[in-house]
């Protein structure tokens, strides 16, 4: 009887080890086959701030995340809705922008969108004045997810901002209006 029991127990343990190995191999294979986008360094009128182009295969592979916290002593940070979410955007924005028309592309977490749209605001970092509001739209994303998704936003920086710092914020679309669900992300950018 002991022999039969020990053989069954041995068989169960072997099956569990095999299942665990299969799960580990699948996870390792998925992480190694994901293709990280490469930087696009061409000079066009639009500023490409997302490495590579927005392909469906890239949707869940953002550039390396750097949590940029807005915290410079002489920049005015106007109130924002909800809580700061350092992981809402994979920071691909440059430290400087020139005056004029810009179309930016960035990786934004899916939970920041409602029906494919989130919002952005641009504030003058020296006065706190609201300069521009607009929408951040998804770029060819197949489904909603909490992962990073490619998105774009267009805006004009007026010549009056030359030499100023701006605060660029991405704000989630929160149709409930409940402050508990409001989130934002932001970065200070120097305008040349």
Protein backbone atom coordinates (compact mmCIF):
# COMPACT_ATOMS: atom_id res chain seq x y z
CA UNK A 1 0.00 0.00 0.00
CA UNK A 2 2.84 2.39 0.85
CA UNK A 3 4.43 1.74 -2.49
CA UNK A 4 1.27 2.59 -4.42
CA UNK A 5 0.73 5.74 -2.36
CA UNK A 6 4.35 6.89 -2.76
CA UNK A 7 4.18 6.31 -6.54
CA UNK A 8 0.98 8.37 -6.84
CA UNK A 9 2.49 11.13 -4.71
CA UNK A 10 5.68 11.05 -6.78
CA UNK A 11 3.60 11.30 -9.98
CA UNK A 12 1.63 14.30 -8.68
CA UNK A 13 4.83 16.09 -7.66
CA UNK A 14 6.37 15.46 -11.09
CA UNK A 15 3.27 16.82 -12.84
CA UNK A 16 3.30 19.96 -10.66
CA UNK A 17 7.01 20.54 -11.40
CA UNK A 18 6.36 20.17 -15.14
CA UNK A 19 3.45 22.64 -14.99
CA UNK A 20 5.59 25.17 -13.10
CA UNK A 21 8.40 24.80 -15.65
CA UNK A 22 5.98 25.32 -18.53
CA UNK A 23 4.61 28.49 -16.92
CA UNK A 24 8.13 29.85 -16.32
CA UNK A 25 9.17 29.06 -19.92
CA UNK A 26 6.07 30.76 -21.32
CA UNK A 27 6.69 33.90 -19.23
CA UNK A 28 10.36 34.04 -20.21
CA UNK A 29 9.52 33.50 -23.88
CA UNK A 30 6.95 36.30 -23.86
CA UNK A 31 9.34 38.77 -22.22
CA UNK A 32 12.16 37.92 -24.65
CA UNK A 33 10.08 38.06 -27.83
CA UNK A 34 8.68 41.52 -27.16
CA UNK A 35 10.40 43.91 -29.54
CA UNK A 36 11.39 47.16 -27.87
CA UNK A 37 10.85 50.13 -30.16
CA UNK A 38 13.90 52.03 -31.39
CA UNK A 39 14.36 55.77 -31.43
CA UNK A 40 13.21 57.61 -34.53
CA UNK A 41 15.77 60.36 -35.12
CA UNK A 42 14.53 61.79 -38.41
CA UNK A 43 13.88 65.52 -38.65
CA UNK A 44 10.28 66.17 -39.62
CA UNK A 45 7.83 68.92 -38.83
CA UNK A 46 6.14 66.68 -36.27
CA UNK A 47 8.13 65.77 -33.21
CA UNK A 48 8.20 62.02 -32.70
CA UNK A 49 8.47 61.47 -28.97
CA UNK A 50 7.68 57.76 -29.03
CA UNK A 51 10.46 55.48 -30.11
CA UNK A 52 9.55 53.73 -33.37
CA UNK A 53 6.16 53.86 -34.99
CA UNK A 54 2.85 52.90 -33.43
CA UNK A 55 2.36 49.33 -34.57
CA UNK A 56 -0.15 46.99 -32.99
CA UNK A 57 2.74 44.72 -31.97
CA UNK A 58 4.26 47.67 -30.04
CA UNK A 59 1.12 48.51 -28.07
CA UNK A 60 2.23 46.78 -24.88
CA UNK A 61 5.95 47.53 -25.20
CA UNK A 62 6.59 51.11 -24.02
CA UNK A 63 10.04 52.66 -23.87
CA UNK A 64 11.81 52.38 -20.54
CA UNK A 65 9.80 54.15 -17.87
CA UNK A 66 11.28 56.99 -15.91
CA UNK A 67 9.00 58.44 -13.28
CA UNK A 68 9.52 62.17 -13.65
CA UNK A 69 8.16 64.07 -10.70
CA UNK A 70 7.48 67.76 -11.22
CA UNK A 71 9.42 69.38 -8.45
CA UNK A 72 11.43 72.46 -9.33
CA UNK A 73 11.46 75.18 -6.72
CA UNK A 74 10.82 78.18 -8.96
CA UNK A 75 8.08 76.70 -11.16
CA UNK A 76 4.45 77.37 -10.27
CA UNK A 77 2.36 74.20 -10.26
CA UNK A 78 -1.33 75.04 -10.57
CA UNK A 79 -3.82 72.70 -8.90
CA UNK A 80 -4.61 69.51 -10.81
CA UNK A 81 -7.56 67.15 -10.54
CA UNK A 82 -7.06 63.99 -8.56
CA UNK A 83 -3.79 62.35 -7.63
CA UNK A 84 -0.37 62.37 -9.30
CA UNK A 85 0.24 59.06 -11.11
CA UNK A 86 3.94 58.70 -11.92
CA UNK A 87 3.26 55.57 -13.99
CA UNK A 88 0.46 57.00 -16.15
CA UNK A 89 2.84 58.01 -18.97
CA UNK A 90 6.11 56.44 -20.07
CA UNK A 91 8.09 59.67 -20.25
CA UNK A 92 9.24 60.27 -23.80
CA UNK A 93 8.84 64.03 -23.79
CA UNK A 94 11.94 66.13 -24.43
CA UNK A 95 13.33 68.59 -21.91
CA UNK A 96 12.91 71.44 -24.45
CA UNK A 97 10.46 72.38 -27.21
CA UNK A 98 10.50 75.29 -29.63
CA UNK A 99 7.62 77.69 -30.18
CA UNK A 100 5.19 76.67 -32.93
CA UNK A 101 3.04 73.69 -33.91
CA UNK A 102 3.75 70.31 -32.31
CA UNK A 103 2.28 66.86 -32.69
CA UNK A 104 3.60 64.65 -29.96
CA UNK A 105 3.33 60.93 -29.52
CA UNK A 106 3.65 59.28 -26.14
CA UNK A 107 2.85 56.05 -24.32
CA UNK A 108 -0.09 56.41 -21.93
CA UNK A 109 -1.67 53.79 -19.68
CA UNK A 110 -5.04 52.56 -20.94
CA UNK A 111 -6.80 53.49 -17.69
CA UNK A 112 -6.23 57.17 -18.46
CA UNK A 113 -8.68 56.95 -21.40
CA UNK A 114 -12.44 56.81 -21.67
CA UNK A 115 -13.69 55.83 -25.12
CA UNK A 116 -10.19 56.35 -26.53
CA UNK A 117 -9.69 59.91 -25.25
CA UNK A 118 -7.75 61.50 -22.39
CA UNK A 119 -6.96 65.20 -21.92
CA UNK A 120 -3.91 67.43 -21.69
CA UNK A 121 -3.30 70.89 -20.31
CA UNK A 122 -0.37 73.23 -20.80
CA UNK A 123 0.35 75.84 -18.13
CA UNK A 124 2.89 78.64 -18.06
CA UNK A 125 5.33 77.47 -15.39
CA UNK A 126 6.17 81.04 -14.39
CA UNK A 127 2.64 82.38 -13.94
CA UNK A 128 0.53 79.23 -13.59
CA UNK A 129 -1.73 80.55 -16.38
CA UNK A 130 -3.58 77.92 -18.42
CA UNK A 131 -2.32 78.17 -22.01
CA UNK A 132 -3.95 75.27 -23.80
CA UNK A 133 -6.26 72.33 -23.25
CA UNK A 134 -6.83 69.49 -25.66
CA UNK A 135 -7.27 65.79 -26.13
CA UNK A 136 -4.82 62.92 -26.17
CA UNK A 137 -6.10 60.35 -28.65
CA UNK A 138 -5.18 56.71 -29.01
CA UNK A 139 -3.22 55.72 -32.12
CA UNK A 140 -4.60 52.56 -33.73
CA UNK A 141 -5.01 50.61 -30.50
CA UNK A 142 -6.86 47.32 -30.80
CA UNK A 143 -8.43 47.21 -27.33
CA UNK A 144 -8.49 48.93 -23.99
CA UNK A 145 -5.98 47.70 -21.44
CA UNK A 146 -4.12 48.96 -18.38
CA UNK A 147 -0.84 48.61 -20.32
CA UNK A 148 0.87 51.46 -22.15
CA UNK A 149 -0.78 52.44 -25.42
CA UNK A 150 0.50 54.80 -28.12
CA UNK A 151 -1.31 58.14 -28.19
CA UNK A 152 -0.86 61.58 -29.73
CA UNK A 153 -1.68 65.21 -28.99
CA UNK A 154 -1.34 68.38 -31.07
CA UNK A 155 -0.85 71.92 -29.82
CA UNK A 156 0.76 75.26 -30.64
CA UNK A 157 3.24 76.97 -28.32
CA UNK A 158 2.96 80.74 -28.90
CA UNK A 159 6.07 82.90 -29.35
CA UNK A 160 5.24 84.67 -26.08
CA UNK A 161 6.37 81.50 -24.25
CA UNK A 162 9.90 81.62 -25.65
CA UNK A 163 12.31 81.34 -22.73
CA UNK A 164 9.55 80.16 -20.36
CA UNK A 165 8.99 76.80 -18.81
CA UNK A 166 5.67 75.07 -19.32
CA UNK A 167 3.93 72.30 -17.44
CA UNK A 168 2.54 69.66 -19.78
CA UNK A 169 -0.07 67.48 -18.05
CA UNK A 170 -1.95 64.40 -19.17
CA UNK A 171 -5.25 64.11 -17.30
CA UNK A 172 -7.44 61.03 -17.34
CA UNK A 173 -10.93 61.20 -18.78
CA UNK A 174 -13.18 60.70 -15.78
CA UNK A 175 -16.83 60.81 -16.86
CA UNK A 176 -18.02 60.07 -13.31
CA UNK A 177 -16.67 63.37 -12.00
CA UNK A 178 -15.74 61.52 -8.80
CA UNK A 179 -12.45 62.97 -7.53
CA UNK A 180 -11.43 59.50 -6.30
CA UNK A 181 -11.02 58.39 -9.93
CA UNK A 182 -9.15 61.48 -11.17
CA UNK A 183 -5.46 61.08 -12.06
CA UNK A 184 -2.85 63.15 -13.81
CA UNK A 185 0.78 63.08 -14.92
CA UNK A 186 2.99 66.02 -15.83
CA UNK A 187 6.39 67.30 -16.81
CA UNK A 188 8.17 70.66 -16.86
CA UNK A 189 9.47 71.53 -20.35
CA UNK A 190 11.65 74.51 -21.35
CA UNK A 191 10.36 76.46 -24.38
CA UNK A 192 13.04 77.86 -26.70
